[in-house]
Amino acid sequence: MAKRNREAEEVLGVTAFKPKCLELIERVANGRLERVVLTKRGRPVAAVVPVPAEPSELWGALADLMEPVPGVDLTAPTGERWDAEGG
């Protein structure tokens, strides 16, 4: 089996991306290019990356983005009554 030549990434301005977008998206989709980073005035603003074959697990996906306050039980009831509880 022949080894595929795979590039890591291509960085280009959004104006330069426009005429090449279909070709670059095809290269990303086929695995020949890991990602395309789009820049605006030299600053990265977006990236074109392949969609993972399997959906990522949502449970716990944000766990590394917050840190609970020590001594606070986040599962304890608040004592507030919500309209959604009815009555």
C-alpha atoms as a PDB file:
ATOM      1  CA  MET A   1       0.000   0.000   0.000  1.00  0.00           C
ATOM      2  CA  ALA A   2       1.404   3.405  -0.961  1.00  0.00           C
ATOM      3  CA  LYS A   3       1.937   5.921   1.811  1.00  0.00           C
ATOM      4  CA  ARG A   4      -0.197   9.040   1.412  1.00  0.00           C
ATOM      5  CA  ASN A   5       1.588  12.373   1.463  1.00  0.00           C
ATOM      6  CA  ARG A   6      -0.226  14.384   4.155  1.00  0.00           C
ATOM      7  CA  GLU A   7       0.387  18.033   4.894  1.00  0.00           C
ATOM      8  CA  ALA A   8      -0.141  19.377   8.410  1.00  0.00           C
ATOM      9  CA  GLU A   9      -1.787  22.702   7.649  1.00  0.00           C
ATOM     10  CA  GLU A  10      -2.031  25.559   5.236  1.00  0.00           C
ATOM     11  CA  VAL A  11      -2.371  29.150   6.431  1.00  0.00           C
ATOM     12  CA  LEU A  12      -3.799  31.784   4.113  1.00  0.00           C
ATOM     13  CA  GLY A  13      -5.837  34.946   4.095  1.00  0.00           C
ATOM     14  CA  VAL A  14      -9.575  34.824   3.564  1.00  0.00           C
ATOM     15  CA  THR A  15      -9.249  36.634   0.242  1.00  0.00           C
ATOM     16  CA  ALA A  16      -6.772  34.029  -1.039  1.00  0.00           C
ATOM     17  CA  PHE A  17      -9.031  31.249   0.298  1.00  0.00           C
ATOM     18  CA  LYS A  18     -12.050  32.253  -1.798  1.00  0.00           C
ATOM     19  CA  PRO A  19     -10.852  31.040  -5.213  1.00  0.00           C
ATOM     20  CA  LYS A  20      -9.237  27.894  -3.732  1.00  0.00           C
ATOM     21  CA  CYS A  21     -11.899  26.949  -1.164  1.00  0.00           C
ATOM     22  CA  LEU A  22     -13.381  23.916  -2.956  1.00  0.00           C
ATOM     23  CA  GLU A  23      -9.959  22.403  -3.638  1.00  0.00           C
ATOM     24  CA  LEU A  24      -8.785  23.000  -0.045  1.00  0.00           C
ATOM     25  CA  ILE A  25     -11.980  21.580   1.463  1.00  0.00           C
ATOM     26  CA  GLU A  26     -11.592  18.496  -0.727  1.00  0.00           C
ATOM     27  CA  ARG A  27      -7.980  18.040   0.454  1.00  0.00           C
ATOM     28  CA  VAL A  28      -9.098  18.280   4.101  1.00  0.00           C
ATOM     29  CA  ALA A  29     -12.011  15.889   3.526  1.00  0.00           C
ATOM     30  CA  ASN A  30      -9.732  13.332   1.818  1.00  0.00           C
ATOM     31  CA  GLY A  31      -7.128  13.504   4.582  1.00  0.00           C
ATOM     32  CA  ARG A  32      -4.392  15.022   2.437  1.00  0.00           C
ATOM     33  CA  LEU A  33      -4.417  18.191   4.572  1.00  0.00           C
ATOM     34  CA  GLU A  34      -5.025  18.282   8.342  1.00  0.00           C
ATOM     35  CA  ARG A  35      -6.466  21.787   8.435  1.00  0.00           C
ATOM     36  CA  VAL A  36      -6.647  25.171   6.740  1.00  0.00           C
ATOM     37  CA  VAL A  37      -6.189  28.207   8.977  1.00  0.00           C
ATOM     38  CA  LEU A  38      -7.821  31.370   7.653  1.00  0.00           C
ATOM     39  CA  THR A  39      -6.406  34.753   8.576  1.00  0.00           C
ATOM     40  CA  LYS A  40      -7.731  38.270   8.364  1.00  0.00           C
ATOM     41  CA  ARG A  41      -5.149  41.038   8.448  1.00  0.00           C
ATOM     42  CA  GLY A  42      -2.584  38.454   9.524  1.00  0.00           C
ATOM     43  CA  ARG A  43      -4.597  37.223  12.524  1.00  0.00           C
ATOM     44  CA  PRO A  44      -6.060  33.672  12.578  1.00  0.00           C
ATOM     45  CA  VAL A  45      -9.876  33.871  12.571  1.00  0.00           C
ATOM     46  CA  ALA A  46     -11.102  30.406  11.538  1.00  0.00           C
ATOM     47  CA  ALA A  47     -10.041  26.913  10.579  1.00  0.00           C
ATOM     48  CA  VAL A  48     -11.347  24.277   8.192  1.00  0.00           C
ATOM     49  CA  VAL A  49     -10.940  20.845   9.801  1.00  0.00           C
ATOM     50  CA  PRO A  50     -12.389  17.418   9.058  1.00  0.00           C
ATOM     51  CA  VAL A  51     -15.512  16.328  10.904  1.00  0.00           C
ATOM     52  CA  PRO A  52     -14.756  13.388  13.209  1.00  0.00           C
ATOM     53  CA  ALA A  53     -16.185  10.071  12.039  1.00  0.00           C
ATOM     54  CA  GLU A  54     -17.698   9.377  15.449  1.00  0.00           C
ATOM     55  CA  PRO A  55     -19.589  12.051  17.383  1.00  0.00           C
ATOM     56  CA  SER A  56     -17.700  13.132  20.479  1.00  0.00           C
ATOM     57  CA  GLU A  57     -19.097  12.312  23.894  1.00  0.00           C
ATOM     58  CA  LEU A  58     -20.943  15.304  25.323  1.00  0.00           C
ATOM     59  CA  TRP A  59     -21.080  14.080  28.923  1.00  0.00           C
ATOM     60  CA  GLY A  60     -18.183  15.772  30.711  1.00  0.00           C
ATOM     61  CA  ALA A  61     -17.059  17.689  27.617  1.00  0.00           C
ATOM     62  CA  LEU A  62     -16.859  20.965  29.584  1.00  0.00           C
ATOM     63  CA  ALA A  63     -15.336  19.459  32.727  1.00  0.00           C
ATOM     64  CA  ASP A  64     -11.947  21.071  32.161  1.00  0.00           C
ATOM     65  CA  LEU A  65     -13.480  24.539  31.662  1.00  0.00           C
ATOM     66  CA  MET A  66     -14.657  25.134  35.225  1.00  0.00           C
ATOM     67  CA  GLU A  67     -13.499  24.462  38.726  1.00  0.00           C
ATOM     68  CA  PRO A  68     -16.102  24.027  41.478  1.00  0.00           C
ATOM     69  CA  VAL A  69     -15.903  26.324  44.483  1.00  0.00           C
ATOM     70  CA  PRO A  70     -14.475  24.371  47.430  1.00  0.00           C
ATOM     71  CA  GLY A  71     -17.137  23.442  49.980  1.00  0.00           C
ATOM     72  CA  VAL A  72     -20.083  23.948  47.598  1.00  0.00           C
ATOM     73  CA  ASP A  73     -22.232  20.926  46.747  1.00  0.00           C
ATOM     74  CA  LEU A  74     -23.442  21.574  43.218  1.00  0.00           C
ATOM     75  CA  THR A  75     -25.981  18.756  43.499  1.00  0.00           C
ATOM     76  CA  ALA A  76     -27.673  20.134  46.640  1.00  0.00           C
ATOM     77  CA  PRO A  77     -31.154  21.670  46.200  1.00  0.00           C
ATOM     78  CA  THR A  78     -31.291  25.465  46.295  1.00  0.00           C
ATOM     79  CA  GLY A  79     -34.671  25.709  47.973  1.00  0.00           C
ATOM     80  CA  GLU A  80     -36.004  27.873  45.136  1.00  0.00           C
ATOM     81  CA  ARG A  81     -39.271  26.902  43.447  1.00  0.00           C
ATOM     82  CA  TRP A  82     -39.209  26.988  39.662  1.00  0.00           C
ATOM     83  CA  ASP A  83     -42.226  27.505  37.428  1.00  0.00           C
ATOM     84  CA  ALA A  84     -41.246  24.341  35.596  1.00  0.00           C
ATOM     85  CA  GLU A  85     -41.987  22.306  38.736  1.00  0.00           C
ATOM     86  CA  GLY A  86     -45.703  23.134  38.358  1.00  0.00           C
ATOM     87  CA  GLY A  87     -48.307  24.018  40.928  1.00  0.00           C
END
